[in-house]
C-alpha atoms as a PDB file:
ATOM      1  CA  MET A   1      -2.284   8.394  16.558  1.00  0.00           C
ATOM      2  CA  PRO A   2      -3.258   5.373  16.044  1.00  0.00           C
ATOM      3  CA  GLU A   3      -1.508   1.786  15.938  1.00  0.00           C
ATOM      4  CA  PRO A   4      -1.701  -0.943  13.214  1.00  0.00           C
ATOM      5  CA  TYR A   5      -3.562  -3.865  14.035  1.00  0.00           C
ATOM      6  CA  ARG A   6      -1.332  -6.043  11.383  1.00  0.00           C
ATOM      7  CA  SER A   7       1.345  -5.657   8.985  1.00  0.00           C
ATOM      8  CA  THR A   8       2.538  -7.574   6.312  1.00  0.00           C
ATOM      9  CA  PRO A   9       6.543  -8.593   6.357  1.00  0.00           C
ATOM     10  CA  VAL A  10       8.758  -6.474   4.257  1.00  0.00           C
ATOM     11  CA  PHE A  11       8.705  -7.220   0.517  1.00  0.00           C
ATOM     12  CA  ASP A  12      11.093  -6.207  -2.062  1.00  0.00           C
ATOM     13  CA  GLU A  13      10.344  -6.273  -5.722  1.00  0.00           C
ATOM     14  CA  THR A  14      10.808  -9.967  -6.302  1.00  0.00           C
ATOM     15  CA  THR A  15       8.811 -10.954  -3.406  1.00  0.00           C
ATOM     16  CA  ILE A  16       5.625  -8.574  -3.577  1.00  0.00           C
ATOM     17  CA  PRO A  17       2.493 -11.156  -4.139  1.00  0.00           C
ATOM     18  CA  ALA A  18       0.644 -11.274  -7.417  1.00  0.00           C
ATOM     19  CA  ALA A  19      -2.292 -10.498  -5.167  1.00  0.00           C
ATOM     20  CA  LEU A  20      -0.650  -7.079  -4.378  1.00  0.00           C
ATOM     21  CA  ARG A  21       0.272  -6.471  -8.087  1.00  0.00           C
ATOM     22  CA  ALA A  22      -3.323  -7.277  -9.505  1.00  0.00           C
ATOM     23  CA  GLU A  23      -6.415  -5.605  -8.521  1.00  0.00           C
ATOM     24  CA  HIS A  24      -7.959  -5.907  -4.797  1.00  0.00           C
ATOM     25  CA  ARG A  25      -9.166  -4.394  -1.983  1.00  0.00           C
ATOM     26  CA  THR A  26      -9.154  -3.476   1.444  1.00  0.00           C
ATOM     27  CA  LYS A  27     -12.108  -5.097   3.752  1.00  0.00           C
ATOM     28  CA  ALA A  28     -14.964  -3.282   4.779  1.00  0.00           C
ATOM     29  CA  GLY A  29     -13.699  -0.746   7.954  1.00  0.00           C
ATOM     30  CA  VAL A  30      -9.959  -1.456   7.392  1.00  0.00           C
ATOM     31  CA  TRP A  31      -7.261   1.138   6.177  1.00  0.00           C
ATOM     32  CA  GLY A  32      -4.139   0.585   4.515  1.00  0.00           C
ATOM     33  CA  LEU A  33      -1.085   2.174   4.597  1.00  0.00           C
ATOM     34  CA  ILE A  34       1.462   1.321   2.123  1.00  0.00           C
ATOM     35  CA  ARG A  35       4.871   2.272   3.458  1.00  0.00           C
ATOM     36  CA  VAL A  36       8.132   2.247   0.815  1.00  0.00           C
ATOM     37  CA  ILE A  37      11.281   1.768   3.018  1.00  0.00           C
ATOM     38  CA  GLU A  38      13.588   1.931  -0.044  1.00  0.00           C
ATOM     39  CA  GLY A  39      12.986   2.803  -3.489  1.00  0.00           C
ATOM     40  CA  GLU A  40       9.560   3.650  -5.220  1.00  0.00           C
ATOM     41  CA  LEU A  41       6.708   2.180  -5.763  1.00  0.00           C
ATOM     42  CA  ASN A  42       3.601   2.639  -8.202  1.00  0.00           C
ATOM     43  CA  LEU A  43       0.267   3.032  -6.563  1.00  0.00           C
ATOM     44  CA  THR A  44      -2.423   2.689  -9.102  1.00  0.00           C
ATOM     45  CA  TYR A  45      -6.034   3.325  -7.467  1.00  0.00           C
ATOM     46  CA  ALA A  46      -8.795   1.784  -9.613  1.00  0.00           C
ATOM     47  CA  GLU A  47     -11.717   4.042  -9.276  1.00  0.00           C
ATOM     48  CA  PRO A  48     -11.296   7.290  -9.456  1.00  0.00           C
ATOM     49  CA  PRO A  49      -8.316   6.231 -11.938  1.00  0.00           C
ATOM     50  CA  ILE A  50      -5.424   7.808 -10.254  1.00  0.00           C
ATOM     51  CA  GLU A  51      -1.529   6.654 -10.073  1.00  0.00           C
ATOM     52  CA  ARG A  52       0.731   7.961  -7.283  1.00  0.00           C
ATOM     53  CA  VAL A  53       4.769   7.026  -6.959  1.00  0.00           C
ATOM     54  CA  LEU A  54       5.364   6.176  -3.597  1.00  0.00           C
ATOM     55  CA  THR A  55       8.799   7.094  -1.884  1.00  0.00           C
ATOM     56  CA  PRO A  56      10.379   6.463   1.773  1.00  0.00           C
ATOM     57  CA  GLY A  57       8.828  10.182   2.718  1.00  0.00           C
ATOM     58  CA  THR A  58       5.531   9.572   0.613  1.00  0.00           C
ATOM     59  CA  PRO A  59       3.208   6.788   2.174  1.00  0.00           C
ATOM     60  CA  GLY A  60       0.005   5.718   0.318  1.00  0.00           C
ATOM     61  CA  VAL A  61      -3.416   5.418   2.159  1.00  0.00           C
ATOM     62  CA  VAL A  62      -5.803   2.800   0.807  1.00  0.00           C
ATOM     63  CA  GLU A  63      -9.868   3.343   2.082  1.00  0.00           C
ATOM     64  CA  PRO A  64     -11.739   0.462   3.222  1.00  0.00           C
ATOM     65  CA  GLY A  65     -12.993  -1.327  -0.056  1.00  0.00           C
ATOM     66  CA  GLN A  66     -10.975   0.772  -2.027  1.00  0.00           C
ATOM     67  CA  THR A  67      -9.765  -0.955  -5.485  1.00  0.00           C
ATOM     68  CA  HIS A  68      -5.632  -0.419  -5.939  1.00  0.00           C
ATOM     69  CA  PHE A  69      -2.815  -2.442  -6.887  1.00  0.00           C
ATOM     70  CA  VAL A  70       0.772  -1.823  -6.543  1.00  0.00           C
ATOM     71  CA  THR A  71       3.761  -1.947  -9.359  1.00  0.00           C
ATOM     72  CA  PRO A  72       7.790  -1.524  -8.457  1.00  0.00           C
ATOM     73  CA  LEU A  73       9.677   0.843 -10.280  1.00  0.00           C
ATOM     74  CA  GLY A  74      12.966  -0.992  -9.703  1.00  0.00           C
ATOM     75  CA  LYS A  75      14.299  -1.986  -6.777  1.00  0.00           C
ATOM     76  CA  VAL A  76      12.579  -1.468  -3.744  1.00  0.00           C
ATOM     77  CA  ARG A  77      11.208  -2.841  -0.338  1.00  0.00           C
ATOM     78  CA  MET A  78       7.456  -1.910   0.787  1.00  0.00           C
ATOM     79  CA  GLN A  79       5.277  -3.102   3.816  1.00  0.00           C
ATOM     80  CA  VAL A  80       1.407  -2.410   4.711  1.00  0.00           C
ATOM     81  CA  ASP A  81       0.077  -1.742   7.650  1.00  0.00           C
ATOM     82  CA  PHE A  82      -3.380  -2.188   8.721  1.00  0.00           C
ATOM     83  CA  TYR A  83      -5.738  -0.119  11.133  1.00  0.00           C
ATOM     84  CA  THR A  84      -9.326   0.429  11.744  1.00  0.00           C
ATOM     85  CA  GLU A  85      -9.608   4.167  11.793  1.00  0.00           C
ATOM     86  CA  PRO A  86      -7.585   6.448   9.359  1.00  0.00           C
ATOM     87  CA  PRO A  87      -3.953   6.336   9.658  1.00  0.00           C
ATOM     88  CA  ALA A  88      -1.834   9.549  10.441  1.00  0.00           C
ATOM     89  CA  VAL A  89       0.467  10.592   7.535  1.00  0.00           C
END
């Protein structure tokens, strides 16, 4: 199972950076794994337009270069792990 090479701090609904709430993308060769520790988070992929509700048991995978953004759905705690290969979900 691959290990993340970097992880963000744990964010809550008030500390999720504006950059994560706006459309952005991962770098070439980088996968993101969005993990919800508590609550719910909406993950929106831009192309094709898809929305997924993430929960503690349902993480979200972002492929290299995939445009996306997140929206907290109430009280939430979340973290993003970064990988150089597809993460095991």
